[in-house]
Amino acid sequence: MTRISKNPEVRKAEIMDASLELFANKGFEDTAVSDIVKKIGVAQGTFYYYFKTKEEIMIALIDRFMVEHEEYIKTIDEDLHMSPAEKVNAILFVKPFHQKVSDFLHHENNAWIHQKFLVKKINEITPYLSRILAKGTKEGFFKVEHAEETAEFLLTAVNFMLDPGIFELEDSKLEEKKNVAKNIVKNLVIKD
């Protein structure tokens, strides 16, 4: 077999992409390092050159997604054309933009990873939402006394209640719950 040399960042991304696909299809626990290297046709040592453990690659996958997600949240936070209310809704009710990540997190064998991901997501987005709530309150759009705690509560409620991996809901029921959640947010937070 001919050895193919690749740029280290390209090879690392290739390993991560293959891992994500396998974790989504088989689950984290049922995927072996040998499955990952077989999928991309490299020696097992190549995997260990980039990642010490399977857990390390899982953390790298979550971090990669969170960087992309945080960039998206930053664009909302910095958008001068959106009202504070539009920003809150855009952050709280964002659609997942990576089906493979969603499949990976929602695989039945990956529940503990899903939980860690949600906690990380809430912790990383809270400062943005908190800042929007505080600024919106100062500008008269909201009536929020404790912006950080309100942001944490809203993010936790929405991310758990509307997560199809936690509550298995049909699309119509999920959409109904999302509309109710938007009304709750509007009634609790946004001034008339």
N, C-alpha and C. Protein backbone atom coordinates (compact mmCIF):
# COMPACT_ATOMS: atom_id res chain seq x y z
N MET A 1 0.84 -1.17 0.00
CA MET A 1 0.00 0.00 0.00
C MET A 1 0.90 1.25 0.00
N THR A 2 0.61 2.17 -0.88
CA THR A 2 1.39 3.39 -0.99
C THR A 2 0.97 4.38 0.09
N ARG A 3 1.95 4.94 0.74
CA ARG A 3 1.69 5.92 1.79
C ARG A 3 1.43 7.29 1.15
N ILE A 4 0.34 7.92 1.56
CA ILE A 4 0.00 9.23 1.04
C ILE A 4 0.23 10.26 2.14
N SER A 5 1.15 11.18 1.87
CA SER A 5 1.42 12.24 2.83
C SER A 5 0.45 13.38 2.60
N LYS A 6 -0.07 13.93 3.69
CA LYS A 6 -0.99 15.05 3.61
C LYS A 6 -0.55 16.11 4.61
N ASN A 7 -0.96 17.32 4.34
CA ASN A 7 -0.75 18.41 5.27
C ASN A 7 -1.31 17.98 6.62
N PRO A 8 -0.58 18.23 7.72
CA PRO A 8 -1.05 17.78 9.04
C PRO A 8 -2.45 18.26 9.40
N GLU A 9 -2.80 19.50 9.05
CA GLU A 9 -4.14 20.00 9.36
C GLU A 9 -5.20 19.29 8.54
N VAL A 10 -4.88 18.96 7.30
CA VAL A 10 -5.80 18.22 6.44
C VAL A 10 -6.01 16.81 7.00
N ARG A 11 -4.92 16.16 7.40
CA ARG A 11 -5.00 14.80 7.95
C ARG A 11 -5.80 14.80 9.25
N LYS A 12 -5.54 15.78 10.11
CA LYS A 12 -6.26 15.87 11.38
C LYS A 12 -7.76 16.06 11.14
N ALA A 13 -8.11 16.94 10.19
CA ALA A 13 -9.52 17.17 9.86
C ALA A 13 -10.15 15.91 9.29
N GLU A 14 -9.40 15.17 8.50
CA GLU A 14 -9.89 13.93 7.91
C GLU A 14 -10.20 12.90 9.01
N ILE A 15 -9.32 12.81 9.99
CA ILE A 15 -9.54 11.89 11.12
C ILE A 15 -10.78 12.33 11.91
N MET A 16 -10.90 13.64 12.13
CA MET A 16 -12.05 14.15 12.88
C MET A 16 -13.36 13.90 12.12
N ASP A 17 -13.36 14.14 10.81
CA ASP A 17 -14.57 13.92 10.02
C ASP A 17 -14.98 12.45 10.01
N ALA A 18 -14.01 11.57 9.87
CA ALA A 18 -14.31 10.13 9.89
C ALA A 18 -14.84 9.72 11.26
N SER A 19 -14.24 10.25 12.30
CA SER A 19 -14.68 9.93 13.67
C SER A 19 -16.12 10.40 13.89
N LEU A 20 -16.40 11.61 13.45
CA LEU A 20 -17.75 12.16 13.61
C LEU A 20 -18.78 11.26 12.92
N GLU A 21 -18.48 10.86 11.72
CA GLU A 21 -19.40 9.99 10.99
C GLU A 21 -19.60 8.65 11.71
N LEU A 22 -18.53 8.06 12.18
CA LEU A 22 -18.64 6.78 12.89
C LEU A 22 -19.35 6.94 14.24
N PHE A 23 -19.04 8.00 14.98
CA PHE A 23 -19.72 8.24 16.26
C PHE A 23 -21.22 8.44 16.05
N ALA A 24 -21.58 9.10 14.95
CA ALA A 24 -23.00 9.33 14.63
C ALA A 24 -23.70 8.03 14.26
N ASN A 25 -23.00 7.15 13.54
CA ASN A 25 -23.62 5.90 13.09
C ASN A 25 -23.57 4.77 14.10
N LYS A 26 -22.43 4.63 14.79
CA LYS A 26 -22.24 3.50 15.70
C LYS A 26 -22.34 3.89 17.17
N GLY A 27 -22.17 5.15 17.46
CA GLY A 27 -22.07 5.60 18.85
C GLY A 27 -20.61 5.67 19.24
N PHE A 28 -20.33 6.51 20.21
CA PHE A 28 -18.96 6.73 20.66
C PHE A 28 -18.36 5.44 21.23
N GLU A 29 -19.08 4.80 22.13
CA GLU A 29 -18.55 3.61 22.81
C GLU A 29 -18.31 2.45 21.86
N ASP A 30 -19.13 2.34 20.83
CA ASP A 30 -19.02 1.20 19.90
C ASP A 30 -18.07 1.47 18.73
N THR A 31 -17.45 2.62 18.71
CA THR A 31 -16.47 2.94 17.67
C THR A 31 -15.08 2.75 18.25
N ALA A 32 -14.29 1.94 17.58
CA ALA A 32 -12.91 1.71 18.00
C ALA A 32 -11.98 2.59 17.17
N VAL A 33 -10.82 2.87 17.70
CA VAL A 33 -9.81 3.62 16.95
C VAL A 33 -9.52 2.90 15.65
N SER A 34 -9.51 1.57 15.69
CA SER A 34 -9.24 0.80 14.46
C SER A 34 -10.32 1.05 13.40
N ASP A 35 -11.56 1.31 13.81
CA ASP A 35 -12.63 1.65 12.86
C ASP A 35 -12.31 2.98 12.17
N ILE A 36 -11.84 3.92 12.94
CA ILE A 36 -11.55 5.26 12.42
C ILE A 36 -10.42 5.20 11.39
N VAL A 37 -9.32 4.55 11.76
CA VAL A 37 -8.18 4.51 10.84
C VAL A 37 -8.48 3.66 9.60
N LYS A 38 -9.28 2.64 9.77
CA LYS A 38 -9.68 1.81 8.63
C LYS A 38 -10.50 2.63 7.64
N LYS A 39 -11.39 3.46 8.17
CA LYS A 39 -12.26 4.27 7.33
C LYS A 39 -11.47 5.21 6.42
N ILE A 40 -10.36 5.74 6.92
CA ILE A 40 -9.58 6.68 6.10
C ILE A 40 -8.29 6.07 5.54
N GLY A 41 -8.05 4.80 5.86
CA GLY A 41 -6.93 4.09 5.26
C GLY A 41 -5.55 4.54 5.74
N VAL A 42 -5.43 4.74 7.05
CA VAL A 42 -4.12 5.10 7.62
C VAL A 42 -3.77 4.12 8.73
N ALA A 43 -2.52 4.16 9.13
CA ALA A 43 -2.06 3.31 10.22
C ALA A 43 -2.59 3.84 11.56
N GLN A 44 -2.74 2.95 12.52
CA GLN A 44 -3.24 3.35 13.83
C GLN A 44 -2.35 4.39 14.49
N GLY A 45 -1.07 4.31 14.24
CA GLY A 45 -0.14 5.29 14.79
C GLY A 45 -0.44 6.71 14.32
N THR A 46 -1.02 6.83 13.13
CA THR A 46 -1.38 8.16 12.61
C THR A 46 -2.43 8.80 13.51
N PHE A 47 -3.40 7.99 13.93
CA PHE A 47 -4.42 8.51 14.84
C PHE A 47 -3.76 9.03 16.11
N TYR A 48 -2.89 8.22 16.69
CA TYR A 48 -2.27 8.58 17.97
C TYR A 48 -1.25 9.72 17.84
N TYR A 49 -0.82 10.00 16.64
CA TYR A 49 0.03 11.17 16.42
C TYR A 49 -0.77 12.46 16.68
N TYR A 50 -2.04 12.43 16.31
CA TYR A 50 -2.90 13.61 16.45
C TYR A 50 -3.73 13.62 17.73
N PHE A 51 -4.12 12.44 18.20
CA PHE A 51 -5.01 12.34 19.36
C PHE A 51 -4.52 11.22 20.27
N LYS A 52 -4.46 11.51 21.57
CA LYS A 52 -4.00 10.49 22.52
C LYS A 52 -5.07 9.43 22.76
N THR A 53 -6.34 9.87 22.76
CA THR A 53 -7.45 8.96 23.07
C THR A 53 -8.66 9.28 22.20
N LYS A 54 -9.61 8.40 22.24
CA LYS A 54 -10.89 8.64 21.57
C LYS A 54 -11.61 9.81 22.24
N GLU A 55 -11.48 9.92 23.55
CA GLU A 55 -12.10 11.03 24.28
C GLU A 55 -11.55 12.37 23.81
N GLU A 56 -10.26 12.40 23.52
CA GLU A 56 -9.64 13.64 23.06
C GLU A 56 -10.20 14.07 21.70
N ILE A 57 -10.45 13.11 20.84
CA ILE A 57 -11.02 13.47 19.53
C ILE A 57 -12.47 13.92 19.69
N MET A 58 -13.18 13.31 20.62
CA MET A 58 -14.57 13.72 20.88
C MET A 58 -14.60 15.17 21.36
N ILE A 59 -13.68 15.53 22.26
CA ILE A 59 -13.60 16.91 22.77
C ILE A 59 -13.23 17.85 21.63
N ALA A 60 -12.31 17.43 20.77
CA ALA A 60 -11.91 18.25 19.62
C ALA A 60 -13.09 18.48 18.67
N LEU A 61 -13.91 17.47 18.48
CA LEU A 61 -15.09 17.62 17.62
C LEU A 61 -16.08 18.62 18.21
N ILE A 62 -16.32 18.52 19.50
CA ILE A 62 -17.23 19.46 20.16
C ILE A 62 -16.65 20.87 20.11
N ASP A 63 -15.36 21.00 20.36
CA ASP A 63 -14.71 22.31 20.30
C ASP A 63 -14.81 22.91 18.90
N ARG A 64 -14.60 22.09 17.88
CA ARG A 64 -14.68 22.57 16.50
C ARG A 64 -16.08 23.09 16.20
N PHE A 65 -17.08 22.34 16.61
CA PHE A 65 -18.45 22.79 16.39
C PHE A 65 -18.73 24.06 17.18
N MET A 66 -18.27 24.13 18.42
CA MET A 66 -18.54 25.30 19.25
C MET A 66 -17.88 26.55 18.67
N VAL A 67 -16.72 26.43 18.08
CA VAL A 67 -16.07 27.58 17.45
C VAL A 67 -16.95 28.10 16.32
N GLU A 68 -17.44 27.20 15.48
CA GLU A 68 -18.33 27.60 14.38
C GLU A 68 -19.62 28.21 14.92
N HIS A 69 -20.17 27.61 15.95
CA HIS A 69 -21.42 28.09 16.53
C HIS A 69 -21.22 29.46 17.18
N GLU A 70 -20.10 29.63 17.87
CA GLU A 70 -19.83 30.91 18.52
C GLU A 70 -19.62 32.01 17.48
N GLU A 71 -19.00 31.69 16.36
CA GLU A 71 -18.84 32.68 15.29
C GLU A 71 -20.21 33.13 14.78
N TYR A 72 -21.12 32.18 14.66
CA TYR A 72 -22.49 32.51 14.24
C TYR A 72 -23.17 33.42 15.28
N ILE A 73 -23.03 33.09 16.55
CA ILE A 73 -23.63 33.89 17.62
C ILE A 73 -23.03 35.30 17.63
N LYS A 74 -21.72 35.41 17.38
CA LYS A 74 -21.06 36.72 17.32
C LYS A 74 -21.66 37.58 16.21
N THR A 75 -21.96 36.96 15.06
CA THR A 75 -22.54 37.75 13.97
C THR A 75 -23.92 38.28 14.36
N ILE A 76 -24.66 37.51 15.12
CA ILE A 76 -25.96 37.98 15.60
C ILE A 76 -25.75 39.11 16.60
N ASP A 77 -24.86 38.91 17.54
CA ASP A 77 -24.58 39.91 18.58
C ASP A 77 -24.15 41.24 17.97
N GLU A 78 -23.37 41.19 16.90
CA GLU A 78 -22.82 42.40 16.30
C GLU A 78 -23.69 42.99 15.20
N ASP A 79 -24.79 42.32 14.84
CA ASP A 79 -25.65 42.80 13.76
C ASP A 79 -26.38 44.08 14.18
N LEU A 80 -26.09 45.17 13.50
CA LEU A 80 -26.67 46.46 13.84
C LEU A 80 -28.10 46.62 13.32
N HIS A 81 -28.53 45.72 12.44
CA HIS A 81 -29.86 45.82 11.85
C HIS A 81 -30.91 45.00 12.59
N MET A 82 -30.47 44.19 13.53
CA MET A 82 -31.41 43.36 14.30
C MET A 82 -31.77 44.06 15.60
N SER A 83 -33.03 43.98 15.96
CA SER A 83 -33.45 44.51 17.27
C SER A 83 -32.98 43.54 18.36
N PRO A 84 -32.92 43.99 19.60
CA PRO A 84 -32.56 43.06 20.69
C PRO A 84 -33.49 41.84 20.73
N ALA A 85 -34.78 42.03 20.49
CA ALA A 85 -35.72 40.91 20.51
C ALA A 85 -35.40 39.91 19.40
N GLU A 86 -35.06 40.40 18.22
CA GLU A 86 -34.69 39.51 17.11
C GLU A 86 -33.41 38.74 17.44
N LYS A 87 -32.48 39.42 18.08
CA LYS A 87 -31.23 38.75 18.47
C LYS A 87 -31.49 37.64 19.48
N VAL A 88 -32.33 37.91 20.47
CA VAL A 88 -32.66 36.89 21.49
C VAL A 88 -33.28 35.68 20.81
N ASN A 89 -34.24 35.90 19.94
CA ASN A 89 -34.88 34.78 19.25
C ASN A 89 -33.91 34.04 18.33
N ALA A 90 -33.05 34.77 17.64
CA ALA A 90 -32.08 34.14 16.75
C ALA A 90 -31.11 33.25 17.53
N ILE A 91 -30.72 33.69 18.72
CA ILE A 91 -29.79 32.90 19.53
C ILE A 91 -30.50 31.71 20.17
N LEU A 92 -31.68 31.93 20.72
CA LEU A 92 -32.37 30.85 21.42
C LEU A 92 -32.91 29.78 20.47
N PHE A 93 -33.33 30.18 19.30
CA PHE A 93 -34.02 29.24 18.42
C PHE A 93 -33.24 28.96 17.14
N VAL A 94 -31.93 28.91 17.27
CA VAL A 94 -31.07 28.61 16.13
C VAL A 94 -31.28 27.16 15.70
N LYS A 95 -31.30 26.95 14.39
CA LYS A 95 -31.42 25.58 13.86
C LYS A 95 -30.04 24.95 13.84
N PRO A 96 -29.98 23.64 14.13
CA PRO A 96 -28.67 22.98 14.04
C PRO A 96 -28.17 23.05 12.59
N PHE A 97 -26.91 23.42 12.40
CA PHE A 97 -26.45 23.55 11.03
C PHE A 97 -25.47 22.47 10.60
N HIS A 98 -25.33 21.42 11.39
CA HIS A 98 -24.51 20.27 11.01
C HIS A 98 -25.28 19.01 11.35
N GLN A 99 -25.81 18.35 10.34
CA GLN A 99 -26.61 17.15 10.58
C GLN A 99 -25.77 16.05 11.22
N LYS A 100 -24.50 15.91 10.80
CA LYS A 100 -23.64 14.86 11.38
C LYS A 100 -23.41 15.11 12.87
N VAL A 101 -23.21 16.37 13.26
CA VAL A 101 -23.03 16.67 14.68
C VAL A 101 -24.30 16.34 15.44
N SER A 102 -25.43 16.70 14.86
CA SER A 102 -26.72 16.39 15.49
C SER A 102 -26.89 14.88 15.63
N ASP A 103 -26.58 14.14 14.57
CA ASP A 103 -26.69 12.67 14.63
C ASP A 103 -25.75 12.09 15.70
N PHE A 104 -24.54 12.62 15.76
CA PHE A 104 -23.55 12.18 16.75
C PHE A 104 -24.06 12.42 18.16
N LEU A 105 -24.56 13.62 18.43
CA LEU A 105 -25.02 13.95 19.78
C LEU A 105 -26.28 13.19 20.16
N HIS A 106 -27.13 12.90 19.18
CA HIS A 106 -28.41 12.27 19.48
C HIS A 106 -28.38 10.74 19.38
N HIS A 107 -27.23 10.16 19.07
CA HIS A 107 -27.14 8.70 19.08
C HIS A 107 -27.36 8.23 20.51
N GLU A 108 -28.13 7.17 20.68
CA GLU A 108 -28.50 6.72 22.03
C GLU A 108 -27.31 6.38 22.91
N ASN A 109 -26.20 5.98 22.32
CA ASN A 109 -25.00 5.64 23.11
C ASN A 109 -24.16 6.87 23.47
N ASN A 110 -24.58 8.05 23.01
CA ASN A 110 -23.77 9.25 23.23
C ASN A 110 -24.43 10.24 24.18
N ALA A 111 -25.35 9.79 25.03
CA ALA A 111 -26.11 10.69 25.90
C ALA A 111 -25.20 11.51 26.81
N TRP A 112 -24.18 10.90 27.38
CA TRP A 112 -23.28 11.65 28.28
C TRP A 112 -22.50 12.72 27.52
N ILE A 113 -22.16 12.44 26.27
CA ILE A 113 -21.46 13.44 25.44
C ILE A 113 -22.42 14.58 25.12
N HIS A 114 -23.66 14.22 24.81
CA HIS A 114 -24.69 15.21 24.51
C HIS A 114 -24.87 16.16 25.70
N GLN A 115 -24.92 15.60 26.89
CA GLN A 115 -25.09 16.42 28.09
C GLN A 115 -23.91 17.38 28.26
N LYS A 116 -22.68 16.88 28.09
CA LYS A 116 -21.49 17.73 28.21
C LYS A 116 -21.53 18.84 27.15
N PHE A 117 -21.96 18.50 25.95
CA PHE A 117 -22.04 19.47 24.87
C PHE A 117 -23.04 20.58 25.22
N LEU A 118 -24.21 20.21 25.72
CA LEU A 118 -25.22 21.21 26.06
C LEU A 118 -24.73 22.16 27.15
N VAL A 119 -24.06 21.62 28.15
CA VAL A 119 -23.51 22.45 29.22
C VAL A 119 -22.49 23.42 28.64
N LYS A 120 -21.59 22.92 27.80
CA LYS A 120 -20.57 23.78 27.18
C LYS A 120 -21.23 24.86 26.32
N LYS A 121 -22.23 24.48 25.55
CA LYS A 121 -22.94 25.41 24.68
C LYS A 121 -23.60 26.52 25.50
N ILE A 122 -24.28 26.14 26.55
CA ILE A 122 -24.96 27.13 27.41
C ILE A 122 -23.94 28.05 28.05
N ASN A 123 -22.85 27.50 28.56
CA ASN A 123 -21.81 28.32 29.20
C ASN A 123 -21.16 29.29 28.21
N GLU A 124 -20.96 28.87 26.97
CA GLU A 124 -20.29 29.73 26.00
C GLU A 124 -21.21 30.77 25.39
N ILE A 125 -22.51 30.51 25.35
CA ILE A 125 -23.44 31.46 24.74
C ILE A 125 -24.01 32.44 25.77
N THR A 126 -24.02 32.06 27.03
CA THR A 126 -24.59 32.92 28.08
C THR A 126 -24.03 34.35 28.05
N PRO A 127 -22.72 34.56 27.93
CA PRO A 127 -22.24 35.95 27.92
C PRO A 127 -22.83 36.81 26.79
N TYR A 128 -23.02 36.20 25.61
CA TYR A 128 -23.60 36.95 24.49
C TYR A 128 -25.05 37.31 24.77
N LEU A 129 -25.83 36.32 25.18
CA LEU A 129 -27.25 36.57 25.44
C LEU A 129 -27.41 37.52 26.62
N SER A 130 -26.59 37.37 27.63
CA SER A 130 -26.63 38.24 28.80
C SER A 130 -26.36 39.69 28.39
N ARG A 131 -25.38 39.88 27.56
CA ARG A 131 -25.03 41.23 27.09
C ARG A 131 -26.20 41.84 26.29
N ILE A 132 -26.82 41.04 25.44
CA ILE A 132 -27.95 41.52 24.64
C ILE A 132 -29.12 41.89 25.55
N LEU A 133 -29.40 41.06 26.56
CA LEU A 133 -30.49 41.34 27.49
C LEU A 133 -30.20 42.61 28.30
N ALA A 134 -28.97 42.76 28.77
CA ALA A 134 -28.61 43.95 29.56
C ALA A 134 -28.70 45.22 28.71
N LYS A 135 -28.17 45.15 27.50
CA LYS A 135 -28.21 46.31 26.61
C LYS A 135 -29.66 46.63 26.22
N GLY A 136 -30.42 45.58 25.92
CA GLY A 136 -31.83 45.78 25.57
C GLY A 136 -32.64 46.36 26.70
N THR A 137 -32.30 46.00 27.93
CA THR A 137 -32.97 46.56 29.12
C THR A 137 -32.62 48.04 29.24
N LYS A 138 -31.35 48.35 29.06
CA LYS A 138 -30.90 49.74 29.16
C LYS A 138 -31.58 50.60 28.09
N GLU A 139 -31.82 50.02 26.92
CA GLU A 139 -32.44 50.76 25.81
C GLU A 139 -33.97 50.72 25.86
N GLY A 140 -34.54 50.03 26.84
CA GLY A 140 -35.99 49.99 27.00
C GLY A 140 -36.72 48.90 26.25
N PHE A 141 -36.00 47.93 25.67
CA PHE A 141 -36.65 46.84 24.96
C PHE A 141 -37.10 45.71 25.90
N PHE A 142 -36.36 45.51 26.96
CA PHE A 142 -36.62 44.44 27.90
C PHE A 142 -36.77 45.00 29.31
N LYS A 143 -37.31 44.14 30.15
CA LYS A 143 -37.35 44.43 31.59
C LYS A 143 -36.74 43.21 32.28
N VAL A 144 -35.42 43.25 32.41
CA VAL A 144 -34.69 42.12 32.98
C VAL A 144 -33.79 42.65 34.09
N GLU A 145 -33.99 42.12 35.30
CA GLU A 145 -33.18 42.56 36.43
C GLU A 145 -31.84 41.83 36.53
N HIS A 146 -31.83 40.59 36.19
CA HIS A 146 -30.62 39.76 36.31
C HIS A 146 -30.32 39.14 34.95
N ALA A 147 -29.59 39.88 34.13
CA ALA A 147 -29.37 39.47 32.74
C ALA A 147 -28.65 38.13 32.62
N GLU A 148 -27.60 37.92 33.40
CA GLU A 148 -26.84 36.67 33.27
C GLU A 148 -27.67 35.46 33.68
N GLU A 149 -28.34 35.55 34.81
CA GLU A 149 -29.16 34.44 35.28
C GLU A 149 -30.34 34.17 34.34
N THR A 150 -30.93 35.25 33.81
CA THR A 150 -32.03 35.11 32.86
C THR A 150 -31.53 34.42 31.59
N ALA A 151 -30.36 34.83 31.12
CA ALA A 151 -29.78 34.21 29.92
C ALA A 151 -29.52 32.72 30.16
N GLU A 152 -28.94 32.38 31.30
CA GLU A 152 -28.68 30.96 31.62
C GLU A 152 -29.97 30.17 31.67
N PHE A 153 -30.99 30.72 32.31
CA PHE A 153 -32.26 30.02 32.43
C PHE A 153 -32.89 29.81 31.05
N LEU A 154 -32.94 30.86 30.25
CA LEU A 154 -33.55 30.74 28.92
C LEU A 154 -32.81 29.73 28.05
N LEU A 155 -31.49 29.81 28.06
CA LEU A 155 -30.70 28.88 27.25
C LEU A 155 -30.87 27.44 27.72
N THR A 156 -30.88 27.24 29.03
CA THR A 156 -31.05 25.88 29.56
C THR A 156 -32.42 25.34 29.21
N ALA A 157 -33.45 26.13 29.44
CA ALA A 157 -34.83 25.68 29.16
C ALA A 157 -35.00 25.34 27.69
N VAL A 158 -34.59 26.25 26.83
CA VAL A 158 -34.79 26.03 25.39
C VAL A 158 -33.94 24.87 24.88
N ASN A 159 -32.67 24.82 25.31
CA ASN A 159 -31.78 23.77 24.80
C ASN A 159 -32.15 22.38 25.28
N PHE A 160 -32.80 22.26 26.43
CA PHE A 160 -33.23 20.94 26.89
C PHE A 160 -34.63 20.61 26.40
N MET A 161 -35.56 21.53 26.55
CA MET A 161 -36.96 21.24 26.20
C MET A 161 -37.17 21.04 24.70
N LEU A 162 -36.38 21.72 23.89
CA LEU A 162 -36.58 21.64 22.44
C LEU A 162 -35.56 20.75 21.76
N ASP A 163 -34.83 19.97 22.53
CA ASP A 163 -33.82 19.09 21.95
C ASP A 163 -34.45 17.75 21.59
N PRO A 164 -34.49 17.42 20.31
CA PRO A 164 -35.12 16.16 19.89
C PRO A 164 -34.39 14.91 20.40
N GLY A 165 -33.14 15.07 20.84
CA GLY A 165 -32.41 13.94 21.40
C GLY A 165 -32.77 13.67 22.84
N ILE A 166 -33.39 14.62 23.50
CA ILE A 166 -33.79 14.45 24.90
C ILE A 166 -35.28 14.10 24.95
N PHE A 167 -36.08 14.92 24.28
CA PHE A 167 -37.51 14.66 24.19
C PHE A 167 -37.81 14.29 22.75
N GLU A 168 -38.11 13.02 22.53
CA GLU A 168 -38.38 12.56 21.17
C GLU A 168 -39.77 13.03 20.75
N LEU A 169 -39.78 14.09 19.96
CA LEU A 169 -41.03 14.70 19.53
C LEU A 169 -41.15 14.66 18.01
N GLU A 170 -42.38 14.53 17.54
CA GLU A 170 -42.62 14.65 16.11
C GLU A 170 -42.37 16.10 15.71
N ASP A 171 -42.06 16.32 14.45
CA ASP A 171 -41.75 17.68 13.98
C ASP A 171 -42.85 18.68 14.31
N SER A 172 -44.11 18.27 14.13
CA SER A 172 -45.22 19.20 14.39
C SER A 172 -45.30 19.56 15.88
N LYS A 173 -45.08 18.58 16.75
CA LYS A 173 -45.11 18.82 18.19
C LYS A 173 -43.91 19.69 18.61
N LEU A 174 -42.76 19.44 18.01
CA LEU A 174 -41.57 20.24 18.30
C LEU A 174 -41.80 21.69 17.89
N GLU A 175 -42.39 21.90 16.72
CA GLU A 175 -42.67 23.26 16.25
C GLU A 175 -43.69 23.95 17.16
N GLU A 176 -44.67 23.19 17.61
CA GLU A 176 -45.67 23.74 18.54
C GLU A 176 -45.00 24.19 19.84
N LYS A 177 -44.13 23.34 20.38
CA LYS A 177 -43.43 23.68 21.62
C LYS A 177 -42.50 24.87 21.42
N LYS A 178 -41.87 24.94 20.26
CA LYS A 178 -40.99 26.07 19.95
C LYS A 178 -41.79 27.37 19.93
N ASN A 179 -42.98 27.35 19.34
CA ASN A 179 -43.83 28.55 19.29
C ASN A 179 -44.28 28.96 20.70
N VAL A 180 -44.61 27.98 21.53
CA VAL A 180 -44.99 28.27 22.91
C VAL A 180 -43.79 28.88 23.65
N ALA A 181 -42.61 28.31 23.45
CA ALA A 181 -41.40 28.83 24.11
C ALA A 181 -41.13 30.27 23.66
N LYS A 182 -41.32 30.56 22.38
CA LYS A 182 -41.13 31.93 21.88
C LYS A 182 -42.11 32.88 22.56
N ASN A 183 -43.34 32.44 22.77
CA ASN A 183 -44.33 33.27 23.46
C ASN A 183 -43.95 33.48 24.92
N ILE A 184 -43.46 32.44 25.56
CA ILE A 184 -43.03 32.56 26.96
C ILE A 184 -41.90 33.58 27.06
N VAL A 185 -40.93 33.47 26.17
CA VAL A 185 -39.81 34.40 26.16
C VAL A 185 -40.33 35.82 25.94
N LYS A 186 -41.23 35.96 24.99
CA LYS A 186 -41.79 37.29 24.68
C LYS A 186 -42.52 37.86 25.91
N ASN A 187 -43.32 37.04 26.56
CA ASN A 187 -44.10 37.52 27.70
C ASN A 187 -43.24 37.75 28.95
N LEU A 188 -42.19 36.98 29.11
CA LEU A 188 -41.35 37.15 30.30
C LEU A 188 -40.34 38.28 30.15
N VAL A 189 -39.85 38.47 28.96
CA VAL A 189 -38.69 39.32 28.79
C VAL A 189 -38.99 40.63 28.05
N ILE A 190 -39.70 40.57 26.98
CA ILE A 190 -39.84 41.73 26.11
C ILE A 190 -40.94 42.65 26.59
N LYS A 191 -40.61 43.94 26.76
CA LYS A 191 -41.58 44.94 27.19
C LYS A 191 -42.62 45.16 26.10
N ASP A 192 -43.82 45.50 26.52
CA ASP A 192 -44.86 45.84 25.55
C ASP A 192 -44.65 47.26 25.03
